[in-house]
Amino acid sequence: MSLDACAEIVRRGDPDRFLAVMAAPVAARARLVPLYAFNVEVARAPWLTEEPMIAEMRLQWWRDVLQEIAEGGPVRRHEVATPLAEVLGPDEARLLDSLVAARRWDAYRDPFEDQAAFDAHIDACFGTLMWVASRLLGADRGETALRDLGTAQGVAAWLLAVPELRARGRAPLPDARPGAVAALARRGLDRLAAARAARSAVPAPAIPAARAAWRAGAILARAAADPARVAEGRLATSEFRRRAALLVRSLAGRW
């Protein structure tokens, strides 16, 4: 199966990660593109239907794929599953199962029980993806810092998505009051600061994966300063500033 199909899925479904991966070395792209395409397919699976049981079946299909990879047996042929099986090891497949399981939240309209439930969801969906992406590039340490970075990225992405999630009938935040939203953004900034403080613990091969979080700081800072921007959908920056921020990090060899 061609990587081009996976790249197109990422380009259409996850433009931020697509830009980050295209700035990575070719060898890193070949490993990250199938993973990010898998993430797009899993993230959108619950939204392709209004029926929770059908959404559960779609997610279970991906859990079955991961189980096939984890067990080392034949893996069903699919434009994403096939290249994913070529880059994913058994341990990484088992880690990603928690990501798929967390996406069950999107199939229903129940709010998060509390802040802890929200935090667990973000870590499963974003922290796990960041750690697995880093492992695929050869990282064998730095999990705490990379999960902190992934969580900061996840909170930023979640705040960006709040208007759309509400339009689809979801209750995306454990507490939607302005003060609580600002506090949530500050928690994300704290995780980002923790990741940067532990920069030395992140091995060099993980940098292309870590760079996918390049927008997190600016988004979280805007949400913390003016939480009304979240509900109003005013967190995003211009396309020029978005691309320029990534370019600066790429040229500097940092994240």
C-alpha atoms as a PDB file:
ATOM      1  CA  MET A   1       0.000   0.000   0.000  1.00  0.00           C
ATOM      2  CA  SER A   2       1.357   3.444  -0.940  1.00  0.00           C
ATOM      3  CA  LEU A   3       2.275   5.977   1.704  1.00  0.00           C
ATOM      4  CA  ASP A   4       0.712   8.584  -0.567  1.00  0.00           C
ATOM      5  CA  ALA A   5      -2.789   7.503   0.475  1.00  0.00           C
ATOM      6  CA  CYS A   6      -1.853   7.896   4.149  1.00  0.00           C
ATOM      7  CA  ALA A   7      -0.260  11.274   3.498  1.00  0.00           C
ATOM      8  CA  GLU A   8      -3.416  12.506   1.780  1.00  0.00           C
ATOM      9  CA  ILE A   9      -5.536  11.371   4.736  1.00  0.00           C
ATOM     10  CA  VAL A  10      -3.292  13.328   7.104  1.00  0.00           C
ATOM     11  CA  ARG A  11      -3.229  16.381   4.820  1.00  0.00           C
ATOM     12  CA  ARG A  12      -7.018  16.552   4.748  1.00  0.00           C
ATOM     13  CA  GLY A  13      -7.739  15.451   8.298  1.00  0.00           C
ATOM     14  CA  ASP A  14      -4.875  16.799  10.408  1.00  0.00           C
ATOM     15  CA  PRO A  15      -3.194  19.748   8.665  1.00  0.00           C
ATOM     16  CA  ASP A  16      -1.022  20.713  11.640  1.00  0.00           C
ATOM     17  CA  ARG A  17       0.578  17.292  11.925  1.00  0.00           C
ATOM     18  CA  PHE A  18       0.839  17.141   8.141  1.00  0.00           C
ATOM     19  CA  LEU A  19       2.921  20.328   8.056  1.00  0.00           C
ATOM     20  CA  ALA A  20       5.078  19.048  10.905  1.00  0.00           C
ATOM     21  CA  VAL A  21       5.689  15.680   9.293  1.00  0.00           C
ATOM     22  CA  MET A  22       6.515  17.231   5.924  1.00  0.00           C
ATOM     23  CA  ALA A  23       9.225  19.241   7.668  1.00  0.00           C
ATOM     24  CA  ALA A  24      10.743  16.006   9.025  1.00  0.00           C
ATOM     25  CA  PRO A  25      13.480  13.931   7.365  1.00  0.00           C
ATOM     26  CA  VAL A  26      12.206  11.488   4.750  1.00  0.00           C
ATOM     27  CA  ALA A  27      12.936   8.447   6.913  1.00  0.00           C
ATOM     28  CA  ALA A  28      10.915   9.918   9.762  1.00  0.00           C
ATOM     29  CA  ARG A  29       8.021  10.742   7.438  1.00  0.00           C
ATOM     30  CA  ALA A  30       7.776   7.129   6.322  1.00  0.00           C
ATOM     31  CA  ARG A  31       7.194   6.059   9.914  1.00  0.00           C
ATOM     32  CA  LEU A  32       5.021   8.924  11.112  1.00  0.00           C
ATOM     33  CA  VAL A  33       2.626   9.210   8.170  1.00  0.00           C
ATOM     34  CA  PRO A  34       0.945   5.800   8.687  1.00  0.00           C
ATOM     35  CA  LEU A  35       0.616   6.496  12.416  1.00  0.00           C
ATOM     36  CA  TYR A  36      -0.944   9.905  11.882  1.00  0.00           C
ATOM     37  CA  ALA A  37      -3.271   8.523   9.209  1.00  0.00           C
ATOM     38  CA  PHE A  38      -4.385   5.875  11.703  1.00  0.00           C
ATOM     39  CA  ASN A  39      -5.072   8.618  14.234  1.00  0.00           C
ATOM     40  CA  VAL A  40      -7.211  10.542  11.731  1.00  0.00           C
ATOM     41  CA  GLU A  41      -9.210   7.431  10.871  1.00  0.00           C
ATOM     42  CA  VAL A  42      -9.819   6.612  14.543  1.00  0.00           C
ATOM     43  CA  ALA A  43     -10.659  10.208  15.491  1.00  0.00           C
ATOM     44  CA  ARG A  44     -13.258  10.568  12.773  1.00  0.00           C
ATOM     45  CA  ALA A  45     -14.807   7.095  13.100  1.00  0.00           C
ATOM     46  CA  PRO A  46     -17.390   8.092  15.746  1.00  0.00           C
ATOM     47  CA  TRP A  47     -18.478  11.108  13.685  1.00  0.00           C
ATOM     48  CA  LEU A  48     -19.407   9.147  10.570  1.00  0.00           C
ATOM     49  CA  THR A  49     -22.665   8.004  12.137  1.00  0.00           C
ATOM     50  CA  GLU A  50     -25.288   9.165  14.618  1.00  0.00           C
ATOM     51  CA  GLU A  51     -25.639   5.638  15.980  1.00  0.00           C
ATOM     52  CA  PRO A  52     -23.361   4.957  18.972  1.00  0.00           C
ATOM     53  CA  MET A  53     -23.344   1.205  18.358  1.00  0.00           C
ATOM     54  CA  ILE A  54     -22.144   1.654  14.781  1.00  0.00           C
ATOM     55  CA  ALA A  55     -19.457   4.020  16.049  1.00  0.00           C
ATOM     56  CA  GLU A  56     -18.416   1.386  18.584  1.00  0.00           C
ATOM     57  CA  MET A  57     -18.149  -1.169  15.782  1.00  0.00           C
ATOM     58  CA  ARG A  58     -15.931   1.156  13.731  1.00  0.00           C
ATOM     59  CA  LEU A  59     -13.637   1.686  16.699  1.00  0.00           C
ATOM     60  CA  GLN A  60     -13.586  -2.020  17.477  1.00  0.00           C
ATOM     61  CA  TRP A  61     -12.393  -2.652  13.920  1.00  0.00           C
ATOM     62  CA  TRP A  62      -9.301  -0.602  14.675  1.00  0.00           C
ATOM     63  CA  ARG A  63      -8.798  -2.316  18.017  1.00  0.00           C
ATOM     64  CA  ASP A  64      -8.856  -5.605  16.128  1.00  0.00           C
ATOM     65  CA  VAL A  65      -6.197  -4.275  13.736  1.00  0.00           C
ATOM     66  CA  LEU A  66      -3.998  -3.346  16.688  1.00  0.00           C
ATOM     67  CA  GLN A  67      -4.521  -6.763  18.239  1.00  0.00           C
ATOM     68  CA  GLU A  68      -3.455  -8.430  14.979  1.00  0.00           C
ATOM     69  CA  ILE A  69      -0.298  -6.318  14.943  1.00  0.00           C
ATOM     70  CA  ALA A  70       0.378  -7.011  18.637  1.00  0.00           C
ATOM     71  CA  GLU A  71       0.026 -10.752  18.099  1.00  0.00           C
ATOM     72  CA  GLY A  72       2.371 -10.734  15.111  1.00  0.00           C
ATOM     73  CA  GLY A  73      -0.068 -12.552  12.831  1.00  0.00           C
ATOM     74  CA  PRO A  74      -1.554 -11.579   9.475  1.00  0.00           C
ATOM     75  CA  VAL A  75      -3.021  -8.081   9.409  1.00  0.00           C
ATOM     76  CA  ARG A  76      -6.040  -7.271   7.269  1.00  0.00           C
ATOM     77  CA  ARG A  77      -5.262  -5.348   4.098  1.00  0.00           C
ATOM     78  CA  HIS A  78      -6.328  -1.721   4.198  1.00  0.00           C
ATOM     79  CA  GLU A  79      -4.864   1.535   2.911  1.00  0.00           C
ATOM     80  CA  VAL A  80      -3.908   2.548   6.461  1.00  0.00           C
ATOM     81  CA  ALA A  81      -3.780  -0.714   8.404  1.00  0.00           C
ATOM     82  CA  THR A  82      -1.270  -2.287   6.005  1.00  0.00           C
ATOM     83  CA  PRO A  83       1.411   0.459   6.167  1.00  0.00           C
ATOM     84  CA  LEU A  84       0.722   0.869   9.887  1.00  0.00           C
ATOM     85  CA  ALA A  85       1.577  -2.790  10.451  1.00  0.00           C
ATOM     86  CA  GLU A  86       4.905  -2.213   8.678  1.00  0.00           C
ATOM     87  CA  VAL A  87       6.059   0.427  11.173  1.00  0.00           C
ATOM     88  CA  LEU A  88       4.308  -0.542  14.403  1.00  0.00           C
ATOM     89  CA  GLY A  89       5.698  -3.048  16.876  1.00  0.00           C
ATOM     90  CA  PRO A  90       3.660  -5.145  19.332  1.00  0.00           C
ATOM     91  CA  ASP A  91       4.345  -2.821  22.256  1.00  0.00           C
ATOM     92  CA  GLU A  92       3.299   0.258  20.310  1.00  0.00           C
ATOM     93  CA  ALA A  93       0.156  -1.504  19.106  1.00  0.00           C
ATOM     94  CA  ARG A  94      -0.807  -2.260  22.702  1.00  0.00           C
ATOM     95  CA  LEU A  95      -0.189   1.346  23.714  1.00  0.00           C
ATOM     96  CA  LEU A  96      -2.441   2.638  20.941  1.00  0.00           C
ATOM     97  CA  ASP A  97      -5.345   0.503  22.103  1.00  0.00           C
ATOM     98  CA  SER A  98      -5.956   3.009  24.897  1.00  0.00           C
ATOM     99  CA  LEU A  99      -6.183   5.786  22.300  1.00  0.00           C
ATOM    100  CA  VAL A 100      -8.906   3.959  20.371  1.00  0.00           C
ATOM    101  CA  ALA A 101     -10.790   3.121  23.563  1.00  0.00           C
ATOM    102  CA  ALA A 102     -10.736   6.781  24.632  1.00  0.00           C
ATOM    103  CA  ARG A 103     -12.372   7.822  21.355  1.00  0.00           C
ATOM    104  CA  ARG A 104     -15.560   6.090  22.509  1.00  0.00           C
ATOM    105  CA  TRP A 105     -16.343   9.369  24.277  1.00  0.00           C
ATOM    106  CA  ASP A 106     -17.043  10.954  20.886  1.00  0.00           C
ATOM    107  CA  ALA A 107     -19.786   8.428  20.143  1.00  0.00           C
ATOM    108  CA  TYR A 108     -21.958   9.603  23.036  1.00  0.00           C
ATOM    109  CA  ARG A 109     -23.238  12.866  24.479  1.00  0.00           C
ATOM    110  CA  ASP A 110     -22.299  12.329  28.112  1.00  0.00           C
ATOM    111  CA  PRO A 111     -20.107  15.053  29.656  1.00  0.00           C
ATOM    112  CA  PHE A 112     -16.835  14.284  31.373  1.00  0.00           C
ATOM    113  CA  GLU A 113     -17.440  13.232  34.952  1.00  0.00           C
ATOM    114  CA  ASP A 114     -14.762  15.559  36.293  1.00  0.00           C
ATOM    115  CA  GLN A 115     -11.400  17.138  35.545  1.00  0.00           C
ATOM    116  CA  ALA A 116      -9.611  13.826  36.121  1.00  0.00           C
ATOM    117  CA  ALA A 117     -11.724  12.143  33.430  1.00  0.00           C
ATOM    118  CA  PHE A 118     -10.928  14.957  31.006  1.00  0.00           C
ATOM    119  CA  ASP A 119      -7.205  14.733  31.787  1.00  0.00           C
ATOM    120  CA  ALA A 120      -7.218  10.975  31.237  1.00  0.00           C
ATOM    121  CA  HIS A 121      -8.955  11.420  27.893  1.00  0.00           C
ATOM    122  CA  ILE A 122      -6.446  13.988  26.652  1.00  0.00           C
ATOM    123  CA  ASP A 123      -3.491  11.885  27.778  1.00  0.00           C
ATOM    124  CA  ALA A 124      -4.881   8.798  26.046  1.00  0.00           C
ATOM    125  CA  CYS A 125      -5.622  10.604  22.785  1.00  0.00           C
ATOM    126  CA  PHE A 126      -2.643  12.961  22.590  1.00  0.00           C
ATOM    127  CA  GLY A 127      -0.018  11.929  25.142  1.00  0.00           C
ATOM    128  CA  THR A 128      -0.070   8.342  23.933  1.00  0.00           C
ATOM    129  CA  LEU A 129       0.158   9.382  20.288  1.00  0.00           C
ATOM    130  CA  MET A 130       3.145  11.625  21.027  1.00  0.00           C
ATOM    131  CA  TRP A 131       4.945   8.842  22.919  1.00  0.00           C
ATOM    132  CA  VAL A 132       4.260   6.209  20.263  1.00  0.00           C
ATOM    133  CA  ALA A 133       5.359   8.561  17.479  1.00  0.00           C
ATOM    134  CA  SER A 134       8.604   9.186  19.352  1.00  0.00           C
ATOM    135  CA  ARG A 135       9.155   5.467  19.892  1.00  0.00           C
ATOM    136  CA  LEU A 136       8.705   4.821  16.176  1.00  0.00           C
ATOM    137  CA  LEU A 137      11.563   7.245  15.544  1.00  0.00           C
ATOM    138  CA  GLY A 138      13.834   5.459  18.001  1.00  0.00           C
ATOM    139  CA  ALA A 139      13.174   7.233  21.300  1.00  0.00           C
ATOM    140  CA  ASP A 140      13.756   4.936  24.266  1.00  0.00           C
ATOM    141  CA  ARG A 141      13.403   7.501  27.061  1.00  0.00           C
ATOM    142  CA  GLY A 142      11.717  10.789  27.864  1.00  0.00           C
ATOM    143  CA  GLU A 143       8.184   9.417  28.125  1.00  0.00           C
ATOM    144  CA  THR A 144       7.103  11.805  30.886  1.00  0.00           C
ATOM    145  CA  ALA A 145       8.292  14.895  29.019  1.00  0.00           C
ATOM    146  CA  LEU A 146       6.810  13.708  25.741  1.00  0.00           C
ATOM    147  CA  ARG A 147       3.465  12.906  27.336  1.00  0.00           C
ATOM    148  CA  ASP A 148       3.481  16.354  28.963  1.00  0.00           C
ATOM    149  CA  LEU A 149       4.102  17.852  25.533  1.00  0.00           C
ATOM    150  CA  GLY A 150       1.383  15.739  23.948  1.00  0.00           C
ATOM    151  CA  THR A 151      -1.062  16.703  26.679  1.00  0.00           C
ATOM    152  CA  ALA A 152      -0.348  20.408  26.165  1.00  0.00           C
ATOM    153  CA  GLN A 153      -0.906  19.908  22.453  1.00  0.00           C
ATOM    154  CA  GLY A 154      -4.126  18.036  23.198  1.00  0.00           C
ATOM    155  CA  VAL A 155      -5.563  20.714  25.469  1.00  0.00           C
ATOM    156  CA  ALA A 156      -4.812  23.343  22.828  1.00  0.00           C
ATOM    157  CA  ALA A 157      -6.429  21.271  20.083  1.00  0.00           C
ATOM    158  CA  TRP A 158      -9.431  20.565  22.293  1.00  0.00           C
ATOM    159  CA  LEU A 159      -9.980  24.239  23.034  1.00  0.00           C
ATOM    160  CA  LEU A 160      -9.825  24.989  19.321  1.00  0.00           C
ATOM    161  CA  ALA A 161     -12.502  22.360  18.726  1.00  0.00           C
ATOM    162  CA  VAL A 162     -14.930  23.523  21.436  1.00  0.00           C
ATOM    163  CA  PRO A 163     -17.304  25.424  19.105  1.00  0.00           C
ATOM    164  CA  GLU A 164     -17.548  22.480  16.701  1.00  0.00           C
ATOM    165  CA  LEU A 165     -18.029  19.962  19.498  1.00  0.00           C
ATOM    166  CA  ARG A 166     -20.816  22.048  20.984  1.00  0.00           C
ATOM    167  CA  ALA A 167     -22.455  22.388  17.575  1.00  0.00           C
ATOM    168  CA  ARG A 168     -22.483  18.593  17.402  1.00  0.00           C
ATOM    169  CA  GLY A 169     -24.273  18.307  20.721  1.00  0.00           C
ATOM    170  CA  ARG A 170     -21.311  17.463  22.951  1.00  0.00           C
ATOM    171  CA  ALA A 171     -20.307  18.948  26.297  1.00  0.00           C
ATOM    172  CA  PRO A 172     -16.557  19.217  25.657  1.00  0.00           C
ATOM    173  CA  LEU A 173     -15.396  20.838  28.894  1.00  0.00           C
ATOM    174  CA  PRO A 174     -15.695  19.643  32.497  1.00  0.00           C
ATOM    175  CA  ASP A 175     -16.424  23.260  33.467  1.00  0.00           C
ATOM    176  CA  ALA A 176     -17.262  25.841  30.784  1.00  0.00           C
ATOM    177  CA  ARG A 177     -17.177  28.932  33.007  1.00  0.00           C
ATOM    178  CA  PRO A 178     -14.573  31.495  31.844  1.00  0.00           C
ATOM    179  CA  GLY A 179     -12.452  31.141  34.955  1.00  0.00           C
ATOM    180  CA  ALA A 180     -12.364  27.364  34.615  1.00  0.00           C
ATOM    181  CA  VAL A 181     -11.488  27.586  30.921  1.00  0.00           C
ATOM    182  CA  ALA A 182      -8.612  29.952  31.701  1.00  0.00           C
ATOM    183  CA  ALA A 183      -7.440  27.584  34.443  1.00  0.00           C
ATOM    184  CA  LEU A 184      -7.557  24.669  32.005  1.00  0.00           C
ATOM    185  CA  ALA A 185      -5.407  26.596  29.537  1.00  0.00           C
ATOM    186  CA  ARG A 186      -2.933  27.419  32.307  1.00  0.00           C
ATOM    187  CA  ARG A 187      -2.762  23.725  33.216  1.00  0.00           C
ATOM    188  CA  GLY A 188      -1.847  23.062  29.597  1.00  0.00           C
ATOM    189  CA  LEU A 189       0.829  25.741  29.754  1.00  0.00           C
ATOM    190  CA  ASP A 190       2.201  24.140  32.916  1.00  0.00           C
ATOM    191  CA  ARG A 191       2.511  20.797  31.110  1.00  0.00           C
ATOM    192  CA  LEU A 192       4.237  22.530  28.211  1.00  0.00           C
ATOM    193  CA  ALA A 193       6.652  24.236  30.590  1.00  0.00           C
ATOM    194  CA  ALA A 194       7.378  20.897  32.280  1.00  0.00           C
ATOM    195  CA  ALA A 195       8.138  19.316  28.910  1.00  0.00           C
ATOM    196  CA  ARG A 196      10.499  22.127  27.955  1.00  0.00           C
ATOM    197  CA  ALA A 197      12.205  22.034  31.333  1.00  0.00           C
ATOM    198  CA  ALA A 198      12.922  18.339  30.692  1.00  0.00           C
ATOM    199  CA  ARG A 199      14.102  18.960  27.136  1.00  0.00           C
ATOM    200  CA  SER A 200      17.391  17.198  27.838  1.00  0.00           C
ATOM    201  CA  ALA A 201      15.472  13.998  28.609  1.00  0.00           C
ATOM    202  CA  VAL A 202      13.997  13.921  25.098  1.00  0.00           C
ATOM    203  CA  PRO A 203      16.330  12.123  22.677  1.00  0.00           C
ATOM    204  CA  ALA A 204      17.140  13.774  19.353  1.00  0.00           C
ATOM    205  CA  PRO A 205      15.301  11.176  17.225  1.00  0.00           C
ATOM    206  CA  ALA A 206      12.017  12.260  18.848  1.00  0.00           C
ATOM    207  CA  ILE A 207      12.270  15.865  17.670  1.00  0.00           C
ATOM    208  CA  PRO A 208      10.211  15.402  14.466  1.00  0.00           C
ATOM    209  CA  ALA A 209       7.408  13.903  16.561  1.00  0.00           C
ATOM    210  CA  ALA A 210       7.675  16.562  19.264  1.00  0.00           C
ATOM    211  CA  ARG A 211       7.519  19.333  16.678  1.00  0.00           C
ATOM    212  CA  ALA A 212       3.877  18.430  15.979  1.00  0.00           C
ATOM    213  CA  ALA A 213       3.003  20.426  19.123  1.00  0.00           C
ATOM    214  CA  TRP A 214       4.422  23.651  17.756  1.00  0.00           C
ATOM    215  CA  ARG A 215       1.132  25.596  18.015  1.00  0.00           C
ATOM    216  CA  ALA A 216       0.271  24.617  21.568  1.00  0.00           C
ATOM    217  CA  GLY A 217       1.958  27.447  23.462  1.00  0.00           C
ATOM    218  CA  ALA A 218       0.429  30.299  21.481  1.00  0.00           C
ATOM    219  CA  ILE A 219      -3.080  28.801  21.554  1.00  0.00           C
ATOM    220  CA  LEU A 220      -2.989  28.081  25.277  1.00  0.00           C
ATOM    221  CA  ALA A 221      -1.634  31.549  26.082  1.00  0.00           C
ATOM    222  CA  ARG A 222      -4.483  33.197  24.166  1.00  0.00           C
ATOM    223  CA  ALA A 223      -7.070  31.020  25.908  1.00  0.00           C
ATOM    224  CA  ALA A 224      -5.601  31.755  29.336  1.00  0.00           C
ATOM    225  CA  ALA A 225      -5.565  35.503  28.700  1.00  0.00           C
ATOM    226  CA  ASP A 226      -9.050  35.699  27.169  1.00  0.00           C
ATOM    227  CA  PRO A 227     -11.128  32.543  27.720  1.00  0.00           C
ATOM    228  CA  ALA A 228     -14.082  34.033  25.821  1.00  0.00           C
ATOM    229  CA  ARG A 229     -12.097  33.377  22.641  1.00  0.00           C
ATOM    230  CA  VAL A 230     -12.631  29.634  23.128  1.00  0.00           C
ATOM    231  CA  ALA A 231     -16.430  29.636  22.838  1.00  0.00           C
ATOM    232  CA  GLU A 232     -16.294  32.290  20.137  1.00  0.00           C
ATOM    233  CA  GLY A 233     -13.830  30.312  18.008  1.00  0.00           C
ATOM    234  CA  ARG A 234     -11.191  33.047  18.011  1.00  0.00           C
ATOM    235  CA  LEU A 235      -8.123  31.069  19.117  1.00  0.00           C
ATOM    236  CA  ALA A 236      -6.603  30.329  15.723  1.00  0.00           C
ATOM    237  CA  THR A 237      -3.884  32.513  14.218  1.00  0.00           C
ATOM    238  CA  SER A 238      -3.403  33.465  10.578  1.00  0.00           C
ATOM    239  CA  GLU A 239      -2.072  30.886   8.135  1.00  0.00           C
ATOM    240  CA  PHE A 240       1.115  32.922   7.698  1.00  0.00           C
ATOM    241  CA  ARG A 241       1.862  32.997  11.431  1.00  0.00           C
ATOM    242  CA  ARG A 242       0.990  29.325  11.761  1.00  0.00           C
ATOM    243  CA  ARG A 243       3.459  28.260   9.093  1.00  0.00           C
ATOM    244  CA  ALA A 244       6.113  30.753  10.200  1.00  0.00           C
ATOM    245  CA  ALA A 245       6.113  29.358  13.735  1.00  0.00           C
ATOM    246  CA  LEU A 246       6.828  25.874  12.415  1.00  0.00           C
ATOM    247  CA  LEU A 247       9.509  27.147  10.047  1.00  0.00           C
ATOM    248  CA  VAL A 248      11.382  28.843  12.878  1.00  0.00           C
ATOM    249  CA  ARG A 249      11.406  25.649  14.926  1.00  0.00           C
ATOM    250  CA  SER A 250      12.468  23.552  11.961  1.00  0.00           C
ATOM    251  CA  LEU A 251      15.356  25.836  11.079  1.00  0.00           C
ATOM    252  CA  ALA A 252      16.474  25.922  14.694  1.00  0.00           C
ATOM    253  CA  GLY A 253      16.231  22.138  15.011  1.00  0.00           C
ATOM    254  CA  ARG A 254      13.996  22.395  18.058  1.00  0.00           C
ATOM    255  CA  TRP A 255      10.411  21.911  19.165  1.00  0.00           C
END
